[in-house]
């Protein structure tokens, strides 16, 4: 069951991941990798069998620079 409290906890966990990775979870950063593992783990705990797909960003697309 999805609850507001559970959603808030996931949001806090993702914010903590960003905080420990320079405030960033953008694609191509260590924060992204840790966040992806977190989501994969949560899906597995819920009974899903997630698979990861690797893609590259589109040419010419800007990647945000952490401030």
C-alpha atoms as a PDB file:
ATOM      1  CA  UNK A   1       0.000   0.000   0.000  1.00  0.00           C
ATOM      2  CA  UNK A   2       1.262   3.438  -0.909  1.00  0.00           C
ATOM      3  CA  UNK A   3       1.048   5.952   1.917  1.00  0.00           C
ATOM      4  CA  UNK A   4       2.009   9.581   2.224  1.00  0.00           C
ATOM      5  CA  UNK A   5       4.495   8.653   4.931  1.00  0.00           C
ATOM      6  CA  UNK A   6       6.180   6.053   2.717  1.00  0.00           C
ATOM      7  CA  UNK A   7       6.453   8.520  -0.166  1.00  0.00           C
ATOM      8  CA  UNK A   8       7.929  11.141   2.157  1.00  0.00           C
ATOM      9  CA  UNK A   9      10.473   8.596   3.429  1.00  0.00           C
ATOM     10  CA  UNK A  10      11.553   7.711  -0.116  1.00  0.00           C
ATOM     11  CA  UNK A  11      11.879  11.415  -0.944  1.00  0.00           C
ATOM     12  CA  UNK A  12      14.055  11.913   2.128  1.00  0.00           C
ATOM     13  CA  UNK A  13      16.185   8.902   1.225  1.00  0.00           C
ATOM     14  CA  UNK A  14      16.715  10.247  -2.293  1.00  0.00           C
ATOM     15  CA  UNK A  15      17.556  13.690  -0.872  1.00  0.00           C
ATOM     16  CA  UNK A  16      20.118  12.053   1.432  1.00  0.00           C
ATOM     17  CA  UNK A  17      21.661  10.252  -1.531  1.00  0.00           C
ATOM     18  CA  UNK A  18      21.982  13.584  -3.327  1.00  0.00           C
ATOM     19  CA  UNK A  19      23.410  15.284  -0.238  1.00  0.00           C
ATOM     20  CA  UNK A  20      26.133  12.631   0.095  1.00  0.00           C
ATOM     21  CA  UNK A  21      26.961  13.028  -3.594  1.00  0.00           C
ATOM     22  CA  UNK A  22      27.562  16.736  -3.838  1.00  0.00           C
ATOM     23  CA  UNK A  23      23.866  17.590  -3.996  1.00  0.00           C
ATOM     24  CA  UNK A  24      23.496  15.766  -7.270  1.00  0.00           C
ATOM     25  CA  UNK A  25      21.652  12.755  -8.697  1.00  0.00           C
ATOM     26  CA  UNK A  26      21.982  13.794 -12.347  1.00  0.00           C
ATOM     27  CA  UNK A  27      22.614  11.203 -15.033  1.00  0.00           C
ATOM     28  CA  UNK A  28      26.259  10.231 -15.276  1.00  0.00           C
ATOM     29  CA  UNK A  29      27.092  11.136 -11.677  1.00  0.00           C
ATOM     30  CA  UNK A  30      27.808   8.875  -8.712  1.00  0.00           C
ATOM     31  CA  UNK A  31      24.604  10.170  -7.105  1.00  0.00           C
ATOM     32  CA  UNK A  32      22.618   8.845 -10.062  1.00  0.00           C
ATOM     33  CA  UNK A  33      24.207   5.413  -9.704  1.00  0.00           C
ATOM     34  CA  UNK A  34      23.428   5.239  -5.977  1.00  0.00           C
ATOM     35  CA  UNK A  35      19.858   6.474  -6.538  1.00  0.00           C
ATOM     36  CA  UNK A  36      19.330   3.876  -9.276  1.00  0.00           C
ATOM     37  CA  UNK A  37      20.514   1.126  -6.922  1.00  0.00           C
ATOM     38  CA  UNK A  38      18.155   2.432  -4.234  1.00  0.00           C
ATOM     39  CA  UNK A  39      15.176   2.338  -6.615  1.00  0.00           C
ATOM     40  CA  UNK A  40      16.173  -1.124  -7.870  1.00  0.00           C
ATOM     41  CA  UNK A  41      16.383  -2.398  -4.295  1.00  0.00           C
ATOM     42  CA  UNK A  42      12.982  -0.944  -3.397  1.00  0.00           C
ATOM     43  CA  UNK A  43      11.384  -2.551  -6.445  1.00  0.00           C
ATOM     44  CA  UNK A  44      12.922  -5.917  -5.563  1.00  0.00           C
ATOM     45  CA  UNK A  45      11.615  -5.603  -1.995  1.00  0.00           C
ATOM     46  CA  UNK A  46       8.153  -5.002  -3.464  1.00  0.00           C
ATOM     47  CA  UNK A  47       8.387  -8.234  -5.471  1.00  0.00           C
ATOM     48  CA  UNK A  48       9.391  -6.852  -8.863  1.00  0.00           C
ATOM     49  CA  UNK A  49      12.330  -8.042 -10.954  1.00  0.00           C
ATOM     50  CA  UNK A  50      13.791  -4.797 -12.319  1.00  0.00           C
ATOM     51  CA  UNK A  51      16.354  -4.710 -15.105  1.00  0.00           C
ATOM     52  CA  UNK A  52      18.726  -1.867 -15.848  1.00  0.00           C
ATOM     53  CA  UNK A  53      19.063  -0.400 -19.322  1.00  0.00           C
ATOM     54  CA  UNK A  54      22.046   1.740 -20.196  1.00  0.00           C
ATOM     55  CA  UNK A  55      21.515   4.641 -22.567  1.00  0.00           C
ATOM     56  CA  UNK A  56      23.473   7.715 -23.495  1.00  0.00           C
ATOM     57  CA  UNK A  57      22.261  11.290 -23.462  1.00  0.00           C
ATOM     58  CA  UNK A  58      21.259  12.869 -26.721  1.00  0.00           C
ATOM     59  CA  UNK A  59      24.004  14.793 -28.529  1.00  0.00           C
ATOM     60  CA  UNK A  60      23.855  18.470 -27.735  1.00  0.00           C
ATOM     61  CA  UNK A  61      21.920  17.981 -24.515  1.00  0.00           C
ATOM     62  CA  UNK A  62      23.331  19.946 -21.620  1.00  0.00           C
ATOM     63  CA  UNK A  63      24.145  18.247 -18.365  1.00  0.00           C
ATOM     64  CA  UNK A  64      23.628  20.510 -15.325  1.00  0.00           C
ATOM     65  CA  UNK A  65      26.782  21.574 -13.538  1.00  0.00           C
ATOM     66  CA  UNK A  66      26.571  21.327  -9.752  1.00  0.00           C
ATOM     67  CA  UNK A  67      26.890  24.687  -8.028  1.00  0.00           C
END
